[in-house]
Amino acid sequence: MGDEDTSALRNPDRRMTRALTVRDSPVAKAHRSRTRVQLKRINSEYSEPHPPDGDQKGWWERLKAALGTTSSDFVNATLVQIQNASRMPSGGVSETSVNAVLAFIEAAEPKNEIEGALAIQMACTHAVAMAVLSRVGGGHGGDRHVAVMAAAGARLLRAFATQIEAMRRLRNGGAQVIRVERIEVSDTAQAIIGNINLNQKGS
C-alpha cells in the first residue's frame, strides 16, 4: 500500500478523489446471424416461406426458438401474420420486410408464446408505423392526407411505446423501483426535508 493510501486511512475525513480503474467490458454480447426466410410466391396474397440454406429441419427449429415456442402451429400462424404486416402498397409481400420483422422478434428473445405474441405485435406495429410515416410526405395527397397519415403514425408509435412497457411489466412482474437517498447534515447546519414551493406568497 502506498503513502497516499496509508495517509487516507489515517485521516478518514479526507476525500478520495482518485478515479478507480475499471476494466473495459463489451457493450453488447455478440449475436449469431438472425433467422431468415426465403419467400416463394404462391399468389398475390401469400408467399410460402422456405429455408434460405435448404436445411428445413434446422431452420424450423430456429424459427421456433426465435418465436419462443415449441408449437409448429404458432410458427405457421406467425409467418402469415408477419406477411400481412409486411405487405407493400402495391399488394406484394416484401421478403426484406419479413426478415426484418423476424430479426426484431428474435432480438426480443421471447421465452414463451405470450412474450412471442407481444414481440410480434411490437415488430408489426413498428413496420406499419414506418410504412404510414413514409407516406406523410412525397406528394401523397394534399394537406389533409398528410395530417391524417401523421396522426395515424403518431398513434402507432404510442401503441409501440405501450407494447414495450407491457413487455417490461410482463418480464419484471410490474415491480416498482424505490429510490433511497441519503442526506447528511453536520451538527452546526440546518436543513429542511420535504417539498418546498418557492412561489408561495405571504406568510
C-alpha atoms as a PDB file:
ATOM      1  CA  MET A   1       0.000   0.000   0.000  1.00  0.00           C
ATOM      2  CA  GLY A   2       1.461   3.405  -0.995  1.00  0.00           C
ATOM      3  CA  ASP A   3       1.929   6.527   1.097  1.00  0.00           C
ATOM      4  CA  GLU A   4      -1.212   8.132  -0.337  1.00  0.00           C
ATOM      5  CA  ASP A   5      -3.341   5.125   0.662  1.00  0.00           C
ATOM      6  CA  THR A   6      -1.945   4.923   4.216  1.00  0.00           C
ATOM      7  CA  SER A   7      -2.450   8.680   4.608  1.00  0.00           C
ATOM      8  CA  ALA A   8      -6.109   8.276   3.673  1.00  0.00           C
ATOM      9  CA  LEU A   9      -6.542   5.528   6.262  1.00  0.00           C
ATOM     10  CA  ARG A  10      -5.000   7.693   8.994  1.00  0.00           C
ATOM     11  CA  ASN A  11      -7.286  10.584   8.093  1.00  0.00           C
ATOM     12  CA  PRO A  12     -10.805   9.200   7.468  1.00  0.00           C
ATOM     13  CA  ASP A  13     -12.218  12.697   6.748  1.00  0.00           C
ATOM     14  CA  ARG A  14     -10.012  13.044   3.707  1.00  0.00           C
ATOM     15  CA  ARG A  15     -11.981  12.656   0.471  1.00  0.00           C
ATOM     16  CA  MET A  16     -10.770  10.134  -2.040  1.00  0.00           C
ATOM     17  CA  THR A  17     -10.912  11.811  -5.433  1.00  0.00           C
ATOM     18  CA  ARG A  18      -8.680   9.474  -7.375  1.00  0.00           C
ATOM     19  CA  ALA A  19     -10.632   7.647 -10.102  1.00  0.00           C
ATOM     20  CA  LEU A  20     -10.859   3.877  -9.855  1.00  0.00           C
ATOM     21  CA  THR A  21      -9.646   1.782 -12.754  1.00  0.00           C
ATOM     22  CA  VAL A  22     -12.473  -0.183 -14.353  1.00  0.00           C
ATOM     23  CA  ARG A  23     -11.848  -2.920 -16.849  1.00  0.00           C
ATOM     24  CA  ASP A  24     -13.415  -2.454 -20.234  1.00  0.00           C
ATOM     25  CA  SER A  25     -16.431  -4.633 -20.910  1.00  0.00           C
ATOM     26  CA  PRO A  26     -18.158  -5.301 -24.216  1.00  0.00           C
ATOM     27  CA  VAL A  27     -21.121  -3.050 -24.903  1.00  0.00           C
ATOM     28  CA  ALA A  28     -23.253  -5.929 -26.093  1.00  0.00           C
ATOM     29  CA  LYS A  29     -22.806  -9.632 -26.452  1.00  0.00           C
ATOM     30  CA  ALA A  30     -22.126 -10.996 -29.900  1.00  0.00           C
ATOM     31  CA  HIS A  31     -25.178 -12.225 -31.790  1.00  0.00           C
ATOM     32  CA  ARG A  32     -25.344 -15.096 -34.194  1.00  0.00           C
ATOM     33  CA  SER A  33     -26.917 -14.450 -37.550  1.00  0.00           C
ATOM     34  CA  ARG A  34     -30.675 -13.943 -37.384  1.00  0.00           C
ATOM     35  CA  THR A  35     -33.143 -16.499 -38.629  1.00  0.00           C
ATOM     36  CA  ARG A  36     -34.300 -15.665 -42.153  1.00  0.00           C
ATOM     37  CA  VAL A  37     -36.852 -16.928 -44.647  1.00  0.00           C
ATOM     38  CA  GLN A  38     -36.900 -17.132 -48.407  1.00  0.00           C
ATOM     39  CA  LEU A  39     -40.316 -16.452 -49.919  1.00  0.00           C
ATOM     40  CA  LYS A  40     -41.727 -18.247 -52.941  1.00  0.00           C
ATOM     41  CA  ARG A  41     -44.809 -16.528 -54.265  1.00  0.00           C
ATOM     42  CA  ILE A  42     -47.933 -18.683 -54.391  1.00  0.00           C
ATOM     43  CA  ASN A  43     -50.436 -15.985 -55.329  1.00  0.00           C
ATOM     44  CA  SER A  44     -50.963 -12.250 -54.858  1.00  0.00           C
ATOM     45  CA  GLU A  45     -51.989 -12.789 -51.235  1.00  0.00           C
ATOM     46  CA  TYR A  46     -49.478 -15.308 -49.949  1.00  0.00           C
ATOM     47  CA  SER A  47     -45.872 -16.415 -50.377  1.00  0.00           C
ATOM     48  CA  GLU A  48     -44.603 -19.697 -48.986  1.00  0.00           C
ATOM     49  CA  PRO A  49     -41.579 -19.379 -46.677  1.00  0.00           C
ATOM     50  CA  HIS A  50     -38.590 -21.660 -47.201  1.00  0.00           C
ATOM     51  CA  PRO A  51     -35.165 -22.027 -45.550  1.00  0.00           C
ATOM     52  CA  PRO A  52     -32.547 -19.939 -47.370  1.00  0.00           C
ATOM     53  CA  ASP A  53     -29.918 -22.674 -46.956  1.00  0.00           C
ATOM     54  CA  GLY A  54     -32.177 -25.675 -47.631  1.00  0.00           C
ATOM     55  CA  ASP A  55     -31.892 -27.088 -44.074  1.00  0.00           C
ATOM     56  CA  GLN A  56     -35.615 -27.465 -43.452  1.00  0.00           C
ATOM     57  CA  LYS A  57     -35.450 -29.172 -40.047  1.00  0.00           C
ATOM     58  CA  GLY A  58     -32.738 -26.964 -38.537  1.00  0.00           C
ATOM     59  CA  TRP A  59     -34.381 -23.836 -39.941  1.00  0.00           C
ATOM     60  CA  TRP A  60     -37.766 -24.752 -38.468  1.00  0.00           C
ATOM     61  CA  GLU A  61     -36.239 -25.351 -35.037  1.00  0.00           C
ATOM     62  CA  ARG A  62     -34.501 -21.961 -35.215  1.00  0.00           C
ATOM     63  CA  LEU A  63     -37.831 -20.341 -36.073  1.00  0.00           C
ATOM     64  CA  LYS A  64     -39.418 -21.975 -33.022  1.00  0.00           C
ATOM     65  CA  ALA A  65     -36.602 -20.730 -30.796  1.00  0.00           C
ATOM     66  CA  ALA A  66     -36.794 -17.233 -32.282  1.00  0.00           C
ATOM     67  CA  LEU A  67     -40.528 -17.052 -31.555  1.00  0.00           C
ATOM     68  CA  GLY A  68     -40.276 -18.591 -28.080  1.00  0.00           C
ATOM     69  CA  THR A  69     -42.436 -21.599 -28.867  1.00  0.00           C
ATOM     70  CA  THR A  70     -42.408 -25.352 -29.382  1.00  0.00           C
ATOM     71  CA  SER A  71     -45.583 -25.226 -31.488  1.00  0.00           C
ATOM     72  CA  SER A  72     -45.373 -25.527 -35.264  1.00  0.00           C
ATOM     73  CA  ASP A  73     -48.914 -24.109 -35.497  1.00  0.00           C
ATOM     74  CA  PHE A  74     -47.753 -20.972 -33.688  1.00  0.00           C
ATOM     75  CA  VAL A  75     -44.882 -20.605 -36.164  1.00  0.00           C
ATOM     76  CA  ASN A  76     -47.180 -21.079 -39.170  1.00  0.00           C
ATOM     77  CA  ALA A  77     -49.709 -18.543 -37.859  1.00  0.00           C
ATOM     78  CA  THR A  78     -46.932 -16.074 -37.085  1.00  0.00           C
ATOM     79  CA  LEU A  79     -45.428 -16.279 -40.564  1.00  0.00           C
ATOM     80  CA  VAL A  80     -48.834 -15.475 -42.073  1.00  0.00           C
ATOM     81  CA  GLN A  81     -49.306 -12.537 -39.693  1.00  0.00           C
ATOM     82  CA  ILE A  82     -45.841 -11.180 -40.475  1.00  0.00           C
ATOM     83  CA  GLN A  83     -46.510 -11.379 -44.212  1.00  0.00           C
ATOM     84  CA  ASN A  84     -49.758  -9.457 -43.794  1.00  0.00           C
ATOM     85  CA  ALA A  85     -47.959  -6.741 -41.834  1.00  0.00           C
ATOM     86  CA  SER A  86     -45.140  -6.600 -44.406  1.00  0.00           C
ATOM     87  CA  ARG A  87     -47.377  -6.143 -47.420  1.00  0.00           C
ATOM     88  CA  MET A  88     -46.310  -3.333 -49.731  1.00  0.00           C
ATOM     89  CA  PRO A  89     -48.761  -0.681 -51.033  1.00  0.00           C
ATOM     90  CA  SER A  90     -48.729  -2.462 -54.408  1.00  0.00           C
ATOM     91  CA  GLY A  91     -50.056  -5.617 -52.727  1.00  0.00           C
ATOM     92  CA  GLY A  92     -46.911  -7.756 -52.807  1.00  0.00           C
ATOM     93  CA  VAL A  93     -45.021  -9.066 -49.807  1.00  0.00           C
ATOM     94  CA  SER A  94     -41.523  -7.769 -49.165  1.00  0.00           C
ATOM     95  CA  GLU A  95     -39.069 -10.531 -48.226  1.00  0.00           C
ATOM     96  CA  THR A  96     -36.751  -7.898 -46.762  1.00  0.00           C
ATOM     97  CA  SER A  97     -39.540  -6.600 -44.511  1.00  0.00           C
ATOM     98  CA  VAL A  98     -40.488 -10.118 -43.397  1.00  0.00           C
ATOM     99  CA  ASN A  99     -36.893 -10.873 -42.415  1.00  0.00           C
ATOM    100  CA  ALA A 100     -36.570  -7.505 -40.676  1.00  0.00           C
ATOM    101  CA  VAL A 101     -39.656  -8.288 -38.576  1.00  0.00           C
ATOM    102  CA  LEU A 102     -38.265 -11.732 -37.753  1.00  0.00           C
ATOM    103  CA  ALA A 103     -34.958 -10.161 -36.675  1.00  0.00           C
ATOM    104  CA  PHE A 104     -36.873  -7.753 -34.417  1.00  0.00           C
ATOM    105  CA  ILE A 105     -38.784 -10.602 -32.783  1.00  0.00           C
ATOM    106  CA  GLU A 106     -35.672 -12.720 -32.315  1.00  0.00           C
ATOM    107  CA  ALA A 107     -33.859  -9.766 -30.724  1.00  0.00           C
ATOM    108  CA  ALA A 108     -36.642  -9.553 -28.109  1.00  0.00           C
ATOM    109  CA  GLU A 109     -35.783 -13.146 -27.086  1.00  0.00           C
ATOM    110  CA  PRO A 110     -39.334 -14.242 -26.165  1.00  0.00           C
ATOM    111  CA  LYS A 111     -39.426 -17.058 -23.609  1.00  0.00           C
ATOM    112  CA  ASN A 112     -42.928 -18.334 -24.386  1.00  0.00           C
ATOM    113  CA  GLU A 113     -45.884 -17.783 -26.690  1.00  0.00           C
ATOM    114  CA  ILE A 114     -47.225 -14.845 -24.672  1.00  0.00           C
ATOM    115  CA  GLU A 115     -43.953 -12.964 -24.925  1.00  0.00           C
ATOM    116  CA  GLY A 116     -43.690 -14.101 -28.538  1.00  0.00           C
ATOM    117  CA  ALA A 117     -47.138 -12.701 -29.369  1.00  0.00           C
ATOM    118  CA  LEU A 118     -46.226  -9.380 -27.771  1.00  0.00           C
ATOM    119  CA  ALA A 119     -42.911  -9.259 -29.633  1.00  0.00           C
ATOM    120  CA  ILE A 120     -44.792  -9.972 -32.888  1.00  0.00           C
ATOM    121  CA  GLN A 121     -47.198  -7.115 -32.151  1.00  0.00           C
ATOM    122  CA  MET A 122     -44.286  -4.780 -31.432  1.00  0.00           C
ATOM    123  CA  ALA A 123     -42.465  -5.719 -34.624  1.00  0.00           C
ATOM    124  CA  CYS A 124     -45.578  -5.461 -36.799  1.00  0.00           C
ATOM    125  CA  THR A 125     -46.619  -2.165 -35.204  1.00  0.00           C
ATOM    126  CA  HIS A 126     -43.178  -0.759 -35.941  1.00  0.00           C
ATOM    127  CA  ALA A 127     -43.319  -1.978 -39.553  1.00  0.00           C
ATOM    128  CA  VAL A 128     -46.773  -0.489 -40.140  1.00  0.00           C
ATOM    129  CA  ALA A 129     -45.819   2.783 -38.406  1.00  0.00           C
ATOM    130  CA  MET A 130     -42.813   3.201 -40.682  1.00  0.00           C
ATOM    131  CA  ALA A 131     -44.953   2.426 -43.749  1.00  0.00           C
ATOM    132  CA  VAL A 132     -47.525   5.039 -42.701  1.00  0.00           C
ATOM    133  CA  LEU A 133     -44.920   7.696 -41.908  1.00  0.00           C
ATOM    134  CA  SER A 134     -43.234   7.108 -45.261  1.00  0.00           C
ATOM    135  CA  ARG A 135     -46.443   8.309 -46.903  1.00  0.00           C
ATOM    136  CA  VAL A 136     -46.658  11.560 -44.937  1.00  0.00           C
ATOM    137  CA  GLY A 137     -44.533  13.386 -47.486  1.00  0.00           C
ATOM    138  CA  GLY A 138     -43.530  12.692 -51.038  1.00  0.00           C
ATOM    139  CA  GLY A 139     -46.589  14.184 -52.691  1.00  0.00           C
ATOM    140  CA  HIS A 140     -49.080  11.552 -51.480  1.00  0.00           C
ATOM    141  CA  GLY A 141     -52.164  13.782 -51.431  1.00  0.00           C
ATOM    142  CA  GLY A 142     -52.787  17.222 -50.003  1.00  0.00           C
ATOM    143  CA  ASP A 143     -52.520  18.745 -46.550  1.00  0.00           C
ATOM    144  CA  ARG A 144     -55.465  16.768 -45.202  1.00  0.00           C
ATOM    145  CA  HIS A 145     -53.869  13.490 -46.289  1.00  0.00           C
ATOM    146  CA  VAL A 146     -50.592  14.478 -44.633  1.00  0.00           C
ATOM    147  CA  ALA A 147     -52.408  15.316 -41.390  1.00  0.00           C
ATOM    148  CA  VAL A 148     -54.299  12.005 -41.415  1.00  0.00           C
ATOM    149  CA  MET A 149     -51.138   9.974 -42.055  1.00  0.00           C
ATOM    150  CA  ALA A 150     -49.181  11.893 -39.415  1.00  0.00           C
ATOM    151  CA  ALA A 151     -51.917  11.313 -36.823  1.00  0.00           C
ATOM    152  CA  ALA A 152     -52.087   7.605 -37.679  1.00  0.00           C
ATOM    153  CA  GLY A 153     -48.301   7.322 -37.395  1.00  0.00           C
ATOM    154  CA  ALA A 154     -48.335   9.068 -34.017  1.00  0.00           C
ATOM    155  CA  ARG A 155     -50.988   6.658 -32.704  1.00  0.00           C
ATOM    156  CA  LEU A 156     -48.974   3.687 -33.899  1.00  0.00           C
ATOM    157  CA  LEU A 157     -45.821   4.988 -32.233  1.00  0.00           C
ATOM    158  CA  ARG A 158     -47.723   5.477 -28.963  1.00  0.00           C
ATOM    159  CA  ALA A 159     -49.009   1.920 -29.262  1.00  0.00           C
ATOM    160  CA  PHE A 160     -45.442   0.736 -29.823  1.00  0.00           C
ATOM    161  CA  ALA A 161     -44.257   2.507 -26.656  1.00  0.00           C
ATOM    162  CA  THR A 162     -47.151   0.943 -24.730  1.00  0.00           C
ATOM    163  CA  GLN A 163     -46.172  -2.502 -26.004  1.00  0.00           C
ATOM    164  CA  ILE A 164     -42.586  -2.002 -24.851  1.00  0.00           C
ATOM    165  CA  GLU A 165     -43.848  -1.065 -21.385  1.00  0.00           C
ATOM    166  CA  ALA A 166     -46.152  -4.106 -21.391  1.00  0.00           C
ATOM    167  CA  MET A 167     -43.174  -6.360 -22.192  1.00  0.00           C
ATOM    168  CA  ARG A 168     -41.178  -4.790 -19.364  1.00  0.00           C
ATOM    169  CA  ARG A 169     -44.019  -5.327 -16.895  1.00  0.00           C
ATOM    170  CA  LEU A 170     -44.576  -8.877 -18.121  1.00  0.00           C
ATOM    171  CA  ARG A 171     -40.950  -9.784 -17.515  1.00  0.00           C
ATOM    172  CA  ASN A 172     -40.416  -7.818 -14.298  1.00  0.00           C
ATOM    173  CA  GLY A 173     -43.788  -8.536 -12.727  1.00  0.00           C
ATOM    174  CA  GLY A 174     -44.744  -4.851 -12.605  1.00  0.00           C
ATOM    175  CA  ALA A 175     -42.165  -4.213  -9.877  1.00  0.00           C
ATOM    176  CA  GLN A 176     -41.740  -0.616  -8.800  1.00  0.00           C
ATOM    177  CA  VAL A 177     -38.366   0.969  -8.206  1.00  0.00           C
ATOM    178  CA  ILE A 178     -37.927   2.762  -4.875  1.00  0.00           C
ATOM    179  CA  ARG A 179     -35.141   5.323  -4.721  1.00  0.00           C
ATOM    180  CA  VAL A 180     -33.439   5.770  -1.364  1.00  0.00           C
ATOM    181  CA  GLU A 181     -31.450   8.971  -0.856  1.00  0.00           C
ATOM    182  CA  ARG A 182     -29.019   9.645   1.955  1.00  0.00           C
ATOM    183  CA  ILE A 183     -28.846  13.126   3.400  1.00  0.00           C
ATOM    184  CA  GLU A 184     -26.079  14.140   5.784  1.00  0.00           C
ATOM    185  CA  VAL A 185     -26.340  17.296   7.902  1.00  0.00           C
ATOM    186  CA  SER A 186     -23.478  18.419  10.136  1.00  0.00           C
ATOM    187  CA  ASP A 187     -24.047  19.377  13.781  1.00  0.00           C
ATOM    188  CA  THR A 188     -23.878  23.126  13.070  1.00  0.00           C
ATOM    189  CA  ALA A 189     -26.061  23.140   9.941  1.00  0.00           C
ATOM    190  CA  GLN A 190     -29.810  23.286   9.375  1.00  0.00           C
ATOM    191  CA  ALA A 191     -31.837  21.559   6.732  1.00  0.00           C
ATOM    192  CA  ILE A 192     -35.436  21.324   5.531  1.00  0.00           C
ATOM    193  CA  ILE A 193     -36.555  17.983   4.169  1.00  0.00           C
ATOM    194  CA  GLY A 194     -39.694  17.911   2.048  1.00  0.00           C
ATOM    195  CA  ASN A 195     -41.301  19.592  -0.933  1.00  0.00           C
ATOM    196  CA  ILE A 196     -40.561  23.304  -0.999  1.00  0.00           C
ATOM    197  CA  ASN A 197     -42.594  25.718  -3.118  1.00  0.00           C
ATOM    198  CA  LEU A 198     -40.636  28.934  -3.681  1.00  0.00           C
ATOM    199  CA  ASN A 199     -43.589  30.576  -5.482  1.00  0.00           C
ATOM    200  CA  GLN A 200     -45.787  30.866  -2.392  1.00  0.00           C
ATOM    201  CA  LYS A 201     -46.738  34.425  -1.428  1.00  0.00           C
ATOM    202  CA  GLY A 202     -47.221  35.883   2.009  1.00  0.00           C
ATOM    203  CA  SER A 203     -46.684  34.003   5.271  1.00  0.00           C
END
